[in-house]
N, C-alpha and C. Protein backbone atom coordinates (compact mmCIF):
# COMPACT_ATOMS: atom_id res chain seq x y z
N MET A 1 19.27 5.67 -22.92
CA MET A 1 19.76 4.60 -22.07
C MET A 1 18.69 3.52 -22.00
N THR A 2 19.06 2.29 -22.24
CA THR A 2 18.09 1.20 -22.16
C THR A 2 17.96 0.70 -20.74
N ALA A 3 16.89 -0.02 -20.49
CA ALA A 3 16.62 -0.52 -19.13
C ALA A 3 17.71 -1.45 -18.65
N THR A 4 18.37 -2.16 -19.57
CA THR A 4 19.41 -3.09 -19.13
C THR A 4 20.64 -2.36 -18.63
N HIS A 5 20.74 -1.04 -18.91
CA HIS A 5 21.88 -0.27 -18.42
C HIS A 5 21.53 0.66 -17.28
N ARG A 6 20.32 0.64 -16.83
CA ARG A 6 19.90 1.51 -15.73
C ARG A 6 20.38 0.93 -14.41
N SER A 7 20.73 1.81 -13.52
CA SER A 7 21.10 1.39 -12.17
C SER A 7 19.86 1.42 -11.29
N CYS A 8 19.62 0.36 -10.55
CA CYS A 8 18.46 0.31 -9.68
C CYS A 8 18.76 0.89 -8.30
N THR A 9 19.97 1.37 -8.09
CA THR A 9 20.30 1.91 -6.77
C THR A 9 19.71 3.28 -6.55
N SER A 10 19.22 3.94 -7.59
CA SER A 10 18.66 5.28 -7.42
C SER A 10 17.16 5.26 -7.17
N CYS A 11 16.56 4.08 -7.07
CA CYS A 11 15.13 3.98 -6.84
C CYS A 11 14.78 4.46 -5.43
N PHE A 12 13.64 5.16 -5.31
CA PHE A 12 13.23 5.67 -4.01
C PHE A 12 11.75 5.40 -3.81
N PRO A 13 11.30 5.06 -2.63
CA PRO A 13 12.12 4.69 -1.48
C PRO A 13 12.54 3.23 -1.58
N PRO A 14 13.64 2.89 -0.93
CA PRO A 14 14.04 1.48 -0.96
C PRO A 14 12.99 0.63 -0.27
N PRO A 15 12.79 -0.63 -0.72
CA PRO A 15 11.74 -1.48 -0.16
C PRO A 15 11.83 -1.66 1.35
N THR A 16 13.04 -1.60 1.92
CA THR A 16 13.18 -1.83 3.34
C THR A 16 12.83 -0.62 4.18
N SER A 17 12.57 0.55 3.56
CA SER A 17 12.32 1.77 4.33
C SER A 17 10.87 1.93 4.75
N HIS A 18 9.98 1.05 4.30
CA HIS A 18 8.57 1.23 4.58
C HIS A 18 8.21 0.94 6.03
N GLY A 19 8.81 -0.08 6.62
CA GLY A 19 8.63 -0.36 8.02
C GLY A 19 7.25 -0.83 8.43
N ARG A 20 6.90 -0.47 9.66
CA ARG A 20 5.68 -0.94 10.30
C ARG A 20 4.41 -0.52 9.56
N ARG A 21 4.38 0.70 9.06
CA ARG A 21 3.20 1.20 8.35
C ARG A 21 2.94 0.37 7.09
N ALA A 22 3.98 0.04 6.35
CA ALA A 22 3.81 -0.76 5.13
C ALA A 22 3.30 -2.15 5.47
N ARG A 23 3.81 -2.73 6.56
CA ARG A 23 3.32 -4.06 6.96
C ARG A 23 1.83 -4.00 7.31
N LEU A 24 1.40 -2.90 7.91
CA LEU A 24 -0.02 -2.75 8.23
C LEU A 24 -0.85 -2.63 6.96
N TYR A 25 -0.36 -1.88 5.97
CA TYR A 25 -1.08 -1.75 4.71
C TYR A 25 -1.15 -3.07 3.94
N VAL A 26 -0.17 -3.94 4.13
CA VAL A 26 -0.21 -5.26 3.49
C VAL A 26 -1.26 -6.14 4.16
N LYS A 27 -1.36 -6.05 5.48
CA LYS A 27 -2.32 -6.89 6.22
C LYS A 27 -3.74 -6.37 6.09
N GLN A 28 -3.92 -5.06 6.18
CA GLN A 28 -5.26 -4.47 6.09
C GLN A 28 -5.29 -3.62 4.82
N ARG A 29 -5.87 -4.16 3.77
CA ARG A 29 -5.74 -3.60 2.42
C ARG A 29 -6.55 -2.33 2.19
N VAL A 30 -7.61 -2.11 2.95
CA VAL A 30 -8.42 -0.90 2.80
C VAL A 30 -8.46 -0.18 4.14
N ARG A 31 -8.10 1.09 4.13
CA ARG A 31 -8.14 1.90 5.35
C ARG A 31 -9.08 3.07 5.10
N LEU A 32 -9.93 3.36 6.07
CA LEU A 32 -10.94 4.40 5.93
C LEU A 32 -10.87 5.41 7.07
N VAL A 33 -11.02 6.67 6.74
CA VAL A 33 -11.28 7.73 7.71
C VAL A 33 -12.61 8.33 7.29
N ALA A 34 -13.65 8.08 8.06
CA ALA A 34 -14.98 8.59 7.71
C ALA A 34 -15.12 10.06 8.06
N ASN A 35 -14.43 10.49 9.13
CA ASN A 35 -14.56 11.87 9.57
C ASN A 35 -13.30 12.26 10.35
N ALA A 36 -12.49 13.11 9.77
CA ALA A 36 -11.23 13.52 10.41
C ALA A 36 -11.46 14.27 11.71
N ASP A 37 -12.69 14.79 11.92
CA ASP A 37 -13.00 15.53 13.14
C ASP A 37 -13.60 14.66 14.23
N ALA A 38 -13.85 13.39 13.93
CA ALA A 38 -14.46 12.49 14.93
C ALA A 38 -13.47 12.26 16.08
N LYS A 39 -14.00 12.17 17.27
CA LYS A 39 -13.17 11.91 18.44
C LYS A 39 -12.93 10.40 18.56
N SER A 40 -11.69 10.02 18.83
CA SER A 40 -11.41 8.59 18.97
C SER A 40 -11.88 8.12 20.34
N ALA A 41 -12.27 6.88 20.38
CA ALA A 41 -12.74 6.28 21.63
C ALA A 41 -11.56 5.62 22.35
N ARG A 42 -11.62 5.66 23.65
CA ARG A 42 -10.58 5.03 24.46
C ARG A 42 -10.74 3.51 24.37
N LEU A 43 -9.63 2.81 24.26
CA LEU A 43 -9.65 1.35 24.22
C LEU A 43 -9.93 0.84 25.63
N VAL A 44 -10.97 0.03 25.78
CA VAL A 44 -11.40 -0.43 27.09
C VAL A 44 -10.33 -1.29 27.75
N LEU A 45 -9.78 -2.23 27.01
CA LEU A 45 -8.71 -3.08 27.55
C LEU A 45 -7.46 -2.92 26.69
N PRO A 46 -6.62 -1.92 27.00
CA PRO A 46 -5.42 -1.73 26.18
C PRO A 46 -4.44 -2.91 26.28
N VAL A 47 -4.55 -3.68 27.36
CA VAL A 47 -3.71 -4.87 27.52
C VAL A 47 -4.63 -6.09 27.59
N ASN A 48 -4.34 -7.07 26.75
CA ASN A 48 -5.14 -8.29 26.72
C ASN A 48 -4.87 -9.06 28.02
N PRO A 49 -5.90 -9.29 28.85
CA PRO A 49 -5.68 -9.97 30.14
C PRO A 49 -5.23 -11.42 29.98
N ALA A 50 -5.55 -12.06 28.87
CA ALA A 50 -5.16 -13.45 28.66
C ALA A 50 -3.68 -13.59 28.31
N THR A 51 -3.15 -12.58 27.59
CA THR A 51 -1.75 -12.67 27.15
C THR A 51 -0.81 -11.70 27.86
N GLY A 52 -1.38 -10.66 28.45
CA GLY A 52 -0.55 -9.64 29.09
C GLY A 52 0.13 -8.72 28.08
N ARG A 53 -0.24 -8.84 26.81
CA ARG A 53 0.35 -8.02 25.75
C ARG A 53 -0.66 -6.97 25.29
N PRO A 54 -0.18 -5.91 24.63
CA PRO A 54 -1.11 -4.89 24.11
C PRO A 54 -2.12 -5.53 23.15
N THR A 55 -3.34 -5.02 23.18
CA THR A 55 -4.39 -5.52 22.30
C THR A 55 -3.99 -5.24 20.85
N ASP A 56 -4.07 -6.26 20.00
CA ASP A 56 -3.69 -6.14 18.60
C ASP A 56 -4.86 -5.58 17.80
N LEU A 57 -4.68 -4.39 17.24
CA LEU A 57 -5.73 -3.74 16.45
C LEU A 57 -5.43 -3.79 14.95
N THR A 58 -4.53 -4.67 14.54
CA THR A 58 -4.13 -4.73 13.14
C THR A 58 -5.32 -4.81 12.20
N TYR A 59 -6.27 -5.69 12.48
CA TYR A 59 -7.39 -5.91 11.57
C TYR A 59 -8.66 -5.17 11.99
N ALA A 60 -8.55 -4.26 12.93
CA ALA A 60 -9.72 -3.53 13.41
C ALA A 60 -10.15 -2.49 12.37
N ALA A 61 -11.40 -2.57 11.93
CA ALA A 61 -11.91 -1.63 10.93
C ALA A 61 -12.06 -0.22 11.52
N LEU A 62 -12.25 -0.13 12.82
CA LEU A 62 -12.45 1.17 13.46
C LEU A 62 -11.19 1.69 14.13
N ARG A 63 -10.05 1.18 13.74
CA ARG A 63 -8.77 1.61 14.30
C ARG A 63 -8.59 3.11 14.04
N SER A 64 -8.12 3.81 15.04
CA SER A 64 -7.92 5.25 14.92
C SER A 64 -6.66 5.55 14.10
N PHE A 65 -6.61 6.73 13.56
CA PHE A 65 -5.44 7.18 12.80
C PHE A 65 -4.61 8.12 13.64
N SER A 66 -3.39 8.31 13.25
CA SER A 66 -2.49 9.22 13.94
C SER A 66 -3.07 10.63 13.91
N PRO A 67 -2.99 11.36 15.03
CA PRO A 67 -3.44 12.76 15.04
C PRO A 67 -2.71 13.60 14.00
N ILE A 68 -1.46 13.26 13.70
CA ILE A 68 -0.70 13.99 12.68
C ILE A 68 -1.33 13.79 11.31
N HIS A 69 -1.74 12.54 11.01
CA HIS A 69 -2.39 12.25 9.73
C HIS A 69 -3.73 13.00 9.63
N LEU A 70 -4.48 13.01 10.72
CA LEU A 70 -5.78 13.70 10.72
C LEU A 70 -5.60 15.21 10.54
N ASP A 71 -4.57 15.78 11.17
CA ASP A 71 -4.26 17.21 10.97
C ASP A 71 -3.89 17.47 9.52
N TYR A 72 -3.09 16.57 8.94
CA TYR A 72 -2.69 16.68 7.54
C TYR A 72 -3.93 16.71 6.64
N MET A 73 -4.88 15.80 6.91
CA MET A 73 -6.11 15.76 6.12
C MET A 73 -6.87 17.09 6.23
N ARG A 74 -7.02 17.57 7.45
CA ARG A 74 -7.76 18.83 7.66
C ARG A 74 -7.05 19.99 6.96
N ASN A 75 -5.72 20.00 7.01
CA ASN A 75 -4.95 21.06 6.35
C ASN A 75 -5.13 21.02 4.83
N MET A 76 -5.40 19.83 4.28
CA MET A 76 -5.68 19.69 2.84
C MET A 76 -7.12 20.08 2.53
N GLY A 77 -7.94 20.27 3.56
CA GLY A 77 -9.35 20.58 3.35
C GLY A 77 -10.19 19.34 3.12
N THR A 78 -9.69 18.19 3.56
CA THR A 78 -10.46 16.95 3.42
C THR A 78 -10.85 16.43 4.79
N HIS A 79 -12.00 15.75 4.84
CA HIS A 79 -12.46 15.20 6.11
C HIS A 79 -12.72 13.71 6.04
N ALA A 80 -12.60 13.13 4.85
CA ALA A 80 -12.76 11.69 4.70
C ALA A 80 -11.70 11.20 3.72
N SER A 81 -11.21 9.99 3.96
CA SER A 81 -10.25 9.40 3.04
C SER A 81 -10.39 7.89 3.04
N MET A 82 -9.94 7.30 1.96
CA MET A 82 -9.91 5.86 1.83
C MET A 82 -8.66 5.52 1.04
N SER A 83 -7.90 4.55 1.52
CA SER A 83 -6.74 4.10 0.77
C SER A 83 -6.86 2.60 0.53
N VAL A 84 -6.40 2.20 -0.64
CA VAL A 84 -6.43 0.81 -1.06
C VAL A 84 -5.00 0.40 -1.36
N SER A 85 -4.55 -0.67 -0.72
CA SER A 85 -3.18 -1.15 -0.91
C SER A 85 -3.05 -1.93 -2.20
N LEU A 86 -1.96 -1.70 -2.90
CA LEU A 86 -1.58 -2.52 -4.04
C LEU A 86 -0.40 -3.35 -3.57
N VAL A 87 -0.63 -4.65 -3.44
CA VAL A 87 0.38 -5.56 -2.89
C VAL A 87 0.82 -6.51 -4.00
N VAL A 88 2.12 -6.49 -4.28
CA VAL A 88 2.69 -7.31 -5.34
C VAL A 88 3.78 -8.17 -4.73
N HIS A 89 3.68 -9.47 -4.94
CA HIS A 89 4.65 -10.43 -4.38
C HIS A 89 4.79 -10.24 -2.86
N GLY A 90 3.66 -9.97 -2.20
CA GLY A 90 3.65 -9.86 -0.75
C GLY A 90 4.21 -8.57 -0.19
N GLN A 91 4.57 -7.62 -1.06
CA GLN A 91 5.13 -6.34 -0.61
C GLN A 91 4.23 -5.20 -1.06
N LEU A 92 4.21 -4.14 -0.26
CA LEU A 92 3.44 -2.95 -0.63
C LEU A 92 4.07 -2.34 -1.87
N TRP A 93 3.32 -2.29 -2.95
CA TRP A 93 3.79 -1.75 -4.23
C TRP A 93 3.37 -0.29 -4.35
N GLY A 94 2.18 0.01 -3.83
CA GLY A 94 1.66 1.37 -3.91
C GLY A 94 0.31 1.47 -3.23
N LEU A 95 -0.26 2.67 -3.27
CA LEU A 95 -1.57 2.93 -2.67
C LEU A 95 -2.42 3.73 -3.64
N ILE A 96 -3.70 3.46 -3.62
CA ILE A 96 -4.66 4.35 -4.26
C ILE A 96 -5.33 5.09 -3.11
N SER A 97 -5.26 6.40 -3.15
CA SER A 97 -5.79 7.20 -2.06
C SER A 97 -6.89 8.11 -2.58
N CYS A 98 -8.04 8.08 -1.91
CA CYS A 98 -9.19 8.89 -2.30
C CYS A 98 -9.55 9.81 -1.13
N HIS A 99 -9.94 11.03 -1.44
CA HIS A 99 -10.29 11.99 -0.40
C HIS A 99 -11.62 12.65 -0.73
N ASP A 100 -12.28 13.15 0.30
CA ASP A 100 -13.52 13.92 0.12
C ASP A 100 -13.47 15.13 1.05
N HIS A 101 -14.01 16.23 0.59
CA HIS A 101 -14.04 17.43 1.42
C HIS A 101 -14.97 17.27 2.62
N ASP A 102 -15.99 16.44 2.48
CA ASP A 102 -16.96 16.23 3.55
C ASP A 102 -16.74 14.87 4.21
N ALA A 103 -17.19 14.76 5.46
CA ALA A 103 -17.18 13.45 6.12
C ALA A 103 -18.06 12.51 5.31
N ARG A 104 -17.64 11.25 5.20
CA ARG A 104 -18.39 10.32 4.37
C ARG A 104 -18.22 8.90 4.88
N LEU A 105 -19.35 8.24 5.11
CA LEU A 105 -19.34 6.82 5.44
C LEU A 105 -19.36 6.02 4.15
N VAL A 106 -18.51 5.04 4.04
CA VAL A 106 -18.47 4.20 2.85
C VAL A 106 -19.30 2.95 3.14
N PRO A 107 -20.34 2.69 2.33
CA PRO A 107 -21.15 1.49 2.56
C PRO A 107 -20.29 0.21 2.47
N PHE A 108 -20.67 -0.79 3.22
CA PHE A 108 -19.91 -2.04 3.27
C PHE A 108 -19.73 -2.64 1.88
N GLU A 109 -20.77 -2.59 1.05
CA GLU A 109 -20.69 -3.17 -0.30
C GLU A 109 -19.62 -2.46 -1.13
N VAL A 110 -19.51 -1.16 -0.98
CA VAL A 110 -18.50 -0.38 -1.70
C VAL A 110 -17.12 -0.73 -1.17
N HIS A 111 -17.00 -0.86 0.14
CA HIS A 111 -15.74 -1.24 0.77
C HIS A 111 -15.24 -2.57 0.20
N VAL A 112 -16.11 -3.56 0.13
CA VAL A 112 -15.73 -4.87 -0.39
C VAL A 112 -15.37 -4.79 -1.87
N ALA A 113 -16.16 -4.03 -2.64
CA ALA A 113 -15.88 -3.88 -4.07
C ALA A 113 -14.52 -3.22 -4.30
N ILE A 114 -14.22 -2.19 -3.52
CA ILE A 114 -12.93 -1.49 -3.65
C ILE A 114 -11.78 -2.42 -3.26
N GLU A 115 -11.97 -3.21 -2.22
CA GLU A 115 -10.93 -4.16 -1.82
C GLU A 115 -10.66 -5.16 -2.95
N HIS A 116 -11.71 -5.66 -3.57
CA HIS A 116 -11.54 -6.60 -4.68
C HIS A 116 -10.88 -5.93 -5.88
N LEU A 117 -11.25 -4.69 -6.15
CA LEU A 117 -10.62 -3.96 -7.24
C LEU A 117 -9.11 -3.80 -6.99
N GLY A 118 -8.74 -3.49 -5.75
CA GLY A 118 -7.32 -3.39 -5.40
C GLY A 118 -6.60 -4.71 -5.59
N GLN A 119 -7.26 -5.83 -5.23
CA GLN A 119 -6.65 -7.14 -5.42
C GLN A 119 -6.46 -7.45 -6.90
N LEU A 120 -7.47 -7.13 -7.71
CA LEU A 120 -7.36 -7.37 -9.16
C LEU A 120 -6.25 -6.54 -9.78
N LEU A 121 -6.16 -5.27 -9.40
CA LEU A 121 -5.11 -4.41 -9.92
C LEU A 121 -3.74 -4.93 -9.49
N SER A 122 -3.63 -5.38 -8.25
CA SER A 122 -2.37 -5.94 -7.76
C SER A 122 -1.96 -7.15 -8.58
N LEU A 123 -2.92 -8.02 -8.89
CA LEU A 123 -2.63 -9.21 -9.71
C LEU A 123 -2.20 -8.81 -11.12
N GLN A 124 -2.81 -7.77 -11.68
CA GLN A 124 -2.42 -7.31 -13.01
C GLN A 124 -0.99 -6.77 -13.01
N ILE A 125 -0.64 -6.01 -11.97
CA ILE A 125 0.71 -5.47 -11.86
C ILE A 125 1.71 -6.61 -11.72
N GLU A 126 1.38 -7.58 -10.88
CA GLU A 126 2.25 -8.73 -10.67
C GLU A 126 2.47 -9.48 -11.99
N ALA A 127 1.40 -9.69 -12.74
CA ALA A 127 1.53 -10.40 -14.03
C ALA A 127 2.39 -9.61 -15.00
N LYS A 128 2.21 -8.28 -15.03
CA LYS A 128 3.01 -7.46 -15.94
C LYS A 128 4.48 -7.51 -15.54
N GLU A 129 4.77 -7.47 -14.26
CA GLU A 129 6.16 -7.57 -13.81
C GLU A 129 6.76 -8.92 -14.16
N GLU A 130 5.98 -9.97 -14.02
CA GLU A 130 6.49 -11.30 -14.36
C GLU A 130 6.78 -11.40 -15.86
N ARG A 131 5.92 -10.80 -16.69
CA ARG A 131 6.19 -10.77 -18.14
C ARG A 131 7.47 -9.99 -18.42
N ALA A 132 7.65 -8.86 -17.72
CA ALA A 132 8.85 -8.05 -17.92
C ALA A 132 10.09 -8.82 -17.48
N GLU A 133 9.99 -9.55 -16.39
CA GLU A 133 11.11 -10.35 -15.91
C GLU A 133 11.48 -11.43 -16.92
N THR A 134 10.47 -12.08 -17.48
CA THR A 134 10.71 -13.12 -18.47
C THR A 134 11.38 -12.53 -19.71
N ALA A 135 10.89 -11.38 -20.16
CA ALA A 135 11.48 -10.74 -21.33
C ALA A 135 12.91 -10.29 -21.04
N CYS A 136 13.14 -9.79 -19.84
CA CYS A 136 14.48 -9.33 -19.47
C CYS A 136 15.46 -10.50 -19.47
N LEU A 137 15.03 -11.60 -18.88
CA LEU A 137 15.90 -12.77 -18.80
C LEU A 137 16.14 -13.39 -20.17
N SER A 138 15.26 -13.13 -21.14
CA SER A 138 15.47 -13.65 -22.49
C SER A 138 16.29 -12.67 -23.32
N ALA A 139 16.79 -11.59 -22.69
CA ALA A 139 17.68 -10.61 -23.31
C ALA A 139 17.04 -9.90 -24.50
N GLU A 140 15.77 -9.59 -24.40
CA GLU A 140 15.07 -8.82 -25.42
C GLU A 140 14.60 -7.50 -24.80
N PRO A 141 15.50 -6.54 -24.57
CA PRO A 141 15.12 -5.31 -23.87
C PRO A 141 14.04 -4.49 -24.55
N SER A 142 13.85 -4.65 -25.85
CA SER A 142 12.84 -3.85 -26.52
C SER A 142 11.43 -4.37 -26.28
N THR A 143 11.28 -5.56 -25.65
CA THR A 143 9.96 -6.14 -25.50
C THR A 143 9.39 -6.02 -24.10
N TYR A 144 10.07 -5.35 -23.19
CA TYR A 144 9.53 -5.27 -21.84
C TYR A 144 9.35 -3.85 -21.36
N ASP A 145 8.56 -3.71 -20.33
CA ASP A 145 8.22 -2.43 -19.75
C ASP A 145 9.32 -1.99 -18.80
N VAL A 146 9.90 -0.83 -19.03
CA VAL A 146 11.02 -0.34 -18.22
C VAL A 146 10.61 -0.15 -16.76
N ALA A 147 9.43 0.44 -16.51
CA ALA A 147 9.00 0.67 -15.13
C ALA A 147 8.81 -0.64 -14.38
N ALA A 148 8.21 -1.62 -15.03
CA ALA A 148 8.02 -2.92 -14.37
C ALA A 148 9.36 -3.57 -14.08
N HIS A 149 10.32 -3.43 -15.01
CA HIS A 149 11.66 -3.98 -14.78
C HIS A 149 12.32 -3.32 -13.58
N GLU A 150 12.24 -1.98 -13.52
CA GLU A 150 12.88 -1.27 -12.41
C GLU A 150 12.26 -1.66 -11.07
N HIS A 151 10.93 -1.82 -11.03
CA HIS A 151 10.31 -2.22 -9.77
C HIS A 151 10.75 -3.63 -9.37
N ALA A 152 10.80 -4.54 -10.32
CA ALA A 152 11.24 -5.90 -10.02
C ALA A 152 12.69 -5.90 -9.54
N CYS A 153 13.49 -5.04 -10.10
CA CYS A 153 14.89 -4.93 -9.67
C CYS A 153 14.97 -4.39 -8.25
N ARG A 154 14.19 -3.34 -7.97
CA ARG A 154 14.17 -2.75 -6.61
C ARG A 154 13.73 -3.78 -5.59
N ALA A 155 12.77 -4.61 -5.97
CA ALA A 155 12.23 -5.60 -5.04
C ALA A 155 13.15 -6.80 -4.89
N GLY A 156 14.26 -6.82 -5.64
CA GLY A 156 15.24 -7.90 -5.48
C GLY A 156 14.87 -9.16 -6.25
N ARG A 157 13.91 -9.07 -7.16
CA ARG A 157 13.54 -10.26 -7.93
C ARG A 157 14.36 -10.39 -9.20
N LEU A 158 15.08 -9.32 -9.58
CA LEU A 158 15.93 -9.39 -10.77
C LEU A 158 17.34 -8.99 -10.39
N PRO A 159 18.33 -9.68 -10.92
CA PRO A 159 19.69 -9.20 -10.71
C PRO A 159 19.95 -8.01 -11.64
N PHE A 160 20.83 -7.12 -11.25
CA PHE A 160 21.18 -6.02 -12.11
C PHE A 160 22.00 -6.58 -13.26
N ARG A 161 21.60 -6.23 -14.49
CA ARG A 161 22.31 -6.72 -15.67
C ARG A 161 22.85 -5.53 -16.44
N SER A 162 24.08 -5.62 -16.84
CA SER A 162 24.66 -4.53 -17.65
C SER A 162 24.86 -4.98 -19.07
C-alpha cells in the first residue's frame, strides 16, 4: 500500500488529545527531575496578590512534578530524568527522554546545549516534513518519506489524497 492510499484516521494519539501537558512541553522545552526522592517545597504565594490568580509556574525551572510521575520513575529504578521537546509547526511532535539510576544535577551549560539540540532536531523534522509535503503535492509518491507524510496528515497540514 502506498502512502497516498493510507488512511490517516488510524494515527495515534490524535493531535488534539495531548491537552495541557503538551502545551506545557511546547512552552518549556526542557524538563528536569534531578532527584525523584527530593521533597517539593511549598509555594510561598500560591495566589498572586496583584492579580488574584494562581501563580503561573509555566516557565519555572524548579517546578515540581506530579507525585504519580515521580512514583513511576522510582518504579523504573530511575531517580533523575530529562526530557527535551521536539516541536514542529508549533505542536508537540515528540520527546527525547533520558533517565539515570542515580540523582543527577545537569549543569546549566549542558541544559542549554540540550535545548539547542532539541531545537535543531525540531527544525530538521520540520524541513523533512515540508519536503514530503511538496513531493506529495507534486504527485510523486515514490520520492517522499511515508512517516513524514503521515505526521503532516495527522497534523492537518495535508489533505487526505486517494
